[in-house]
Structures are given as structure tokens and as C-alpha cells.
Amino acid sequence: MMLFKPRFVEPILAGRKTVTRRPPGRSFRVGGIHKLYTRPPWCGGAPFARAVIESVTHETLEAVTFPEAWREGFNSPEQFWAELRAIYPDSNVRPRVQRIAFVLVSDD
């Protein structure tokens, strides 16, 4: 299961958002298939799609360039950083993050 903000549903379904960055902790296996949600199932959420994990790397946030920001669904690294700070306020944003690349495999 992977949770996304509702505003990312359309870019994911259109194939424009193909990468997500998350704080380290949860492990994602390359080749694993995950249902994508905007609300967890225990809160009544239904998956909007499924995706296969293409790659998982660990990197610093400085690695977010313009092409990487576009893969994240943003127009610039600055927009990406602002959104990341809003999603993970204060100490939750660490200098190192997991970069998870995924490919949509089906709509649910």
C-alpha cells in the first residue's frame, strides 16, 4: 500500500508522476506490486490504481533536480521541496530519503 495526496491521482494515472520520495523506514521491494490510495483502507479508502516498484534508492534531497521534480509531478525542485516540507513538517524531513520509482500496472 502506498498513500498519496489526492492531487497526485491525476498525474499518476496520466503517467506524469512516476517517482515518490519517502522518509527512510518502510521497505519497498523492487518488483513488488502495491495498491495506491488517497485514504487508507481502514479509513474507508479504496485503491485508485496498482503499481509495480521499479527501483528503490536512498539519496539526499539535494539530488532533486528539475527532471526529478518533473517525475515527482512538480514544475521545479523548489515546488517539490515546499510540498515535502508540508507533508513531513519539521523533523520528519530528513536529509536522506528513499526514492521509489514505480510503473502503473492497472487502474482499480
C-alpha atoms as a PDB file:
ATOM      1  CA  MET A   1       0.000   0.000   0.000  1.00  0.00           C
ATOM      2  CA  MET A   2       1.181   3.484  -0.838  1.00  0.00           C
ATOM      3  CA  LEU A   3      -0.641   6.654   0.210  1.00  0.00           C
ATOM      4  CA  PHE A   4      -0.709   9.768  -1.960  1.00  0.00           C
ATOM      5  CA  LYS A   5      -2.304  13.177  -1.647  1.00  0.00           C
ATOM      6  CA  PRO A   6      -5.494  13.380  -3.763  1.00  0.00           C
ATOM      7  CA  ARG A   7      -3.874  15.975  -6.036  1.00  0.00           C
ATOM      8  CA  PHE A   8      -1.426  13.295  -7.259  1.00  0.00           C
ATOM      9  CA  VAL A   9      -4.088  10.888  -8.550  1.00  0.00           C
ATOM     10  CA  GLU A  10      -4.436  12.542 -11.957  1.00  0.00           C
ATOM     11  CA  PRO A  11      -0.644  12.890 -12.595  1.00  0.00           C
ATOM     12  CA  ILE A  12      -0.122   9.250 -11.552  1.00  0.00           C
ATOM     13  CA  LEU A  13      -2.941   7.957 -13.771  1.00  0.00           C
ATOM     14  CA  ALA A  14      -1.646  10.098 -16.661  1.00  0.00           C
ATOM     15  CA  GLY A  15       1.871   8.671 -16.225  1.00  0.00           C
ATOM     16  CA  ARG A  16       3.438  12.031 -15.324  1.00  0.00           C
ATOM     17  CA  LYS A  17       4.223  11.145 -11.701  1.00  0.00           C
ATOM     18  CA  THR A  18       6.436   8.066 -11.673  1.00  0.00           C
ATOM     19  CA  VAL A  19       8.575   8.691  -8.588  1.00  0.00           C
ATOM     20  CA  THR A  20       7.879   9.321  -4.926  1.00  0.00           C
ATOM     21  CA  ARG A  21      10.240  10.138  -2.106  1.00  0.00           C
ATOM     22  CA  ARG A  22       9.600   8.987   1.427  1.00  0.00           C
ATOM     23  CA  PRO A  23      11.474   9.152   4.724  1.00  0.00           C
ATOM     24  CA  PRO A  24      13.540   6.027   5.355  1.00  0.00           C
ATOM     25  CA  GLY A  25      11.853   3.338   7.379  1.00  0.00           C
ATOM     26  CA  ARG A  26       9.380   1.327   5.378  1.00  0.00           C
ATOM     27  CA  SER A  27      10.995  -1.023   2.898  1.00  0.00           C
ATOM     28  CA  PHE A  28       9.729  -1.306  -0.644  1.00  0.00           C
ATOM     29  CA  ARG A  29      10.839  -4.349  -2.649  1.00  0.00           C
ATOM     30  CA  VAL A  30      11.749  -3.949  -6.310  1.00  0.00           C
ATOM     31  CA  GLY A  31       9.142  -5.874  -8.298  1.00  0.00           C
ATOM     32  CA  GLY A  32       6.559  -5.600  -5.527  1.00  0.00           C
ATOM     33  CA  ILE A  33       3.060  -4.565  -6.535  1.00  0.00           C
ATOM     34  CA  HIS A  34       1.327  -2.007  -4.324  1.00  0.00           C
ATOM     35  CA  LYS A  35      -2.202  -0.636  -4.301  1.00  0.00           C
ATOM     36  CA  LEU A  36      -2.270   3.160  -4.411  1.00  0.00           C
ATOM     37  CA  TYR A  37      -4.646   5.014  -2.090  1.00  0.00           C
ATOM     38  CA  THR A  38      -5.519   8.554  -1.060  1.00  0.00           C
ATOM     39  CA  ARG A  39      -7.021   7.258   2.212  1.00  0.00           C
ATOM     40  CA  PRO A  40      -6.025   4.048   3.985  1.00  0.00           C
ATOM     41  CA  PRO A  41      -8.425   1.132   3.617  1.00  0.00           C
ATOM     42  CA  TRP A  42      -9.108   1.070   7.375  1.00  0.00           C
ATOM     43  CA  CYS A  43     -10.490   4.613   6.959  1.00  0.00           C
ATOM     44  CA  GLY A  44     -12.749   3.645   4.074  1.00  0.00           C
ATOM     45  CA  GLY A  45     -10.269   4.318   1.264  1.00  0.00           C
ATOM     46  CA  ALA A  46     -10.352   2.377  -1.986  1.00  0.00           C
ATOM     47  CA  PRO A  47      -7.346   1.928  -4.269  1.00  0.00           C
ATOM     48  CA  PHE A  48      -7.253   4.140  -7.345  1.00  0.00           C
ATOM     49  CA  ALA A  49      -4.538   2.096  -9.081  1.00  0.00           C
ATOM     50  CA  ARG A  50      -1.806  -0.500  -8.671  1.00  0.00           C
ATOM     51  CA  ALA A  51       1.869  -0.010  -9.396  1.00  0.00           C
ATOM     52  CA  VAL A  52       4.976  -2.142  -9.531  1.00  0.00           C
ATOM     53  CA  ILE A  53       8.118  -0.860  -7.822  1.00  0.00           C
ATOM     54  CA  GLU A  54      10.812  -0.328 -10.451  1.00  0.00           C
ATOM     55  CA  SER A  55      13.667   0.823  -8.223  1.00  0.00           C
ATOM     56  CA  VAL A  56      14.415   1.942  -4.678  1.00  0.00           C
ATOM     57  CA  THR A  57      17.437   4.081  -3.872  1.00  0.00           C
ATOM     58  CA  HIS A  58      18.493   6.249  -0.961  1.00  0.00           C
ATOM     59  CA  GLU A  59      19.646   9.774  -1.658  1.00  0.00           C
ATOM     60  CA  THR A  60      19.853  13.267  -0.284  1.00  0.00           C
ATOM     61  CA  LEU A  61      17.238  15.859  -1.080  1.00  0.00           C
ATOM     62  CA  GLU A  62      19.866  17.878  -2.932  1.00  0.00           C
ATOM     63  CA  ALA A  63      19.616  15.207  -5.653  1.00  0.00           C
ATOM     64  CA  VAL A  64      16.209  16.560  -6.688  1.00  0.00           C
ATOM     65  CA  THR A  65      16.939  18.266  -9.997  1.00  0.00           C
ATOM     66  CA  PHE A  66      14.450  19.698 -12.493  1.00  0.00           C
ATOM     67  CA  PRO A  67      13.991  16.308 -14.262  1.00  0.00           C
ATOM     68  CA  GLU A  68      13.461  14.592 -10.909  1.00  0.00           C
ATOM     69  CA  ALA A  69      10.979  17.269  -9.811  1.00  0.00           C
ATOM     70  CA  TRP A  70       9.017  16.612 -13.036  1.00  0.00           C
ATOM     71  CA  ARG A  71       8.993  12.860 -12.293  1.00  0.00           C
ATOM     72  CA  GLU A  72       7.582  13.797  -8.877  1.00  0.00           C
ATOM     73  CA  GLY A  73       4.788  15.804 -10.557  1.00  0.00           C
ATOM     74  CA  PHE A  74       6.196  19.304  -9.926  1.00  0.00           C
ATOM     75  CA  ASN A  75       7.488  22.087 -12.183  1.00  0.00           C
ATOM     76  CA  SER A  76      10.624  22.802 -10.153  1.00  0.00           C
ATOM     77  CA  PRO A  77      12.744  21.468  -7.298  1.00  0.00           C
ATOM     78  CA  GLU A  78      11.533  24.395  -5.176  1.00  0.00           C
ATOM     79  CA  GLN A  79       7.888  23.326  -5.600  1.00  0.00           C
ATOM     80  CA  PHE A  80       8.860  19.770  -4.662  1.00  0.00           C
ATOM     81  CA  TRP A  81      10.737  20.883  -1.524  1.00  0.00           C
ATOM     82  CA  ALA A  82       7.836  23.080  -0.399  1.00  0.00           C
ATOM     83  CA  GLU A  83       5.385  20.183  -0.779  1.00  0.00           C
ATOM     84  CA  LEU A  84       7.711  17.758   1.011  1.00  0.00           C
ATOM     85  CA  ARG A  85       8.026  20.160   3.942  1.00  0.00           C
ATOM     86  CA  ALA A  86       4.220  20.476   4.064  1.00  0.00           C
ATOM     87  CA  ILE A  87       3.700  16.698   4.033  1.00  0.00           C
ATOM     88  CA  TYR A  88       6.508  15.939   6.507  1.00  0.00           C
ATOM     89  CA  PRO A  89       6.778  19.031   8.733  1.00  0.00           C
ATOM     90  CA  ASP A  90       9.756  19.812  10.948  1.00  0.00           C
ATOM     91  CA  SER A  91      11.964  16.916  11.943  1.00  0.00           C
ATOM     92  CA  ASN A  92      10.225  14.367   9.719  1.00  0.00           C
ATOM     93  CA  VAL A  93      12.063  15.678   6.643  1.00  0.00           C
ATOM     94  CA  ARG A  94      15.464  14.135   6.818  1.00  0.00           C
ATOM     95  CA  PRO A  95      18.412  14.890   4.566  1.00  0.00           C
ATOM     96  CA  ARG A  96      18.268  11.302   3.238  1.00  0.00           C
ATOM     97  CA  VAL A  97      15.127   9.881   1.665  1.00  0.00           C
ATOM     98  CA  GLN A  98      14.023   6.801  -0.243  1.00  0.00           C
ATOM     99  CA  ARG A  99      13.487   7.424  -3.957  1.00  0.00           C
ATOM    100  CA  ILE A 100      10.854   4.964  -5.151  1.00  0.00           C
ATOM    101  CA  ALA A 101      10.273   4.698  -8.899  1.00  0.00           C
ATOM    102  CA  PHE A 102       7.068   2.942  -9.941  1.00  0.00           C
ATOM    103  CA  VAL A 103       5.112   1.998 -13.032  1.00  0.00           C
ATOM    104  CA  LEU A 104       1.339   1.905 -13.129  1.00  0.00           C
ATOM    105  CA  VAL A 105       0.124  -1.618 -13.871  1.00  0.00           C
ATOM    106  CA  SER A 106      -3.635  -1.176 -13.721  1.00  0.00           C
ATOM    107  CA  ASP A 107      -6.488   1.073 -12.690  1.00  0.00           C
ATOM    108  CA  ASP A 108      -8.723  -0.302  -9.941  1.00  0.00           C
END
